[in-house]
Amino acid sequence: MVAVVSLPPNIRDALEEPRLNPGASRETIAEAAAKLGVTFPPDYTALMLETNGAEFYLGESCVILYPAEDLVDWNDPEEGFPAYFKVFGSNGGSEKFAFDTRAQPHPIVVVPHYEPSDADAIAQGTSLHEFLNRVLRNEAFNEA
């Protein structure tokens, strides 16, 4: 299994049924960020270096993080997402995880899979760890 030492112990210990890929190179991550116009949070980059895409359960929720080389495709304008939401994962169901590029650092938001809008975006903080802690506490898909 691929190590996930970049995750805090409480999250690492709570991962269930993890499917982890070999890590991405710094170049692959930087290329994806440049093409998307995103500054990835350092903890997201650290995880992508360990596992380039992942799927696991955390608490009651599924978390799917897309591989770096697939991020541009997931953000195709024809998908109907506002251009400032840069999708990086989903819950495998009705929600996508995205960086909101209108602010620095980019807040992470959960948005509906279909026809997302600002009104539907649920703020998760500005780091992957904040987001994953909200998932673990079953707060990520509900307004704070």
Foldseek 3Di string as FASTA:
>chain_A
DFDQVLAPPVQSVQWAPKDFAAADDPVLQVVLCVVLVADADPSVNSRNRRGQWMWTAAANFIKTFHGSNCQVVVQPVVQQDPSQWRFGIARVDFWTWTFRNPDPVTWIWIFTSPNTDPVRTATQGRHPNSNSVCSNVVNRNDHD
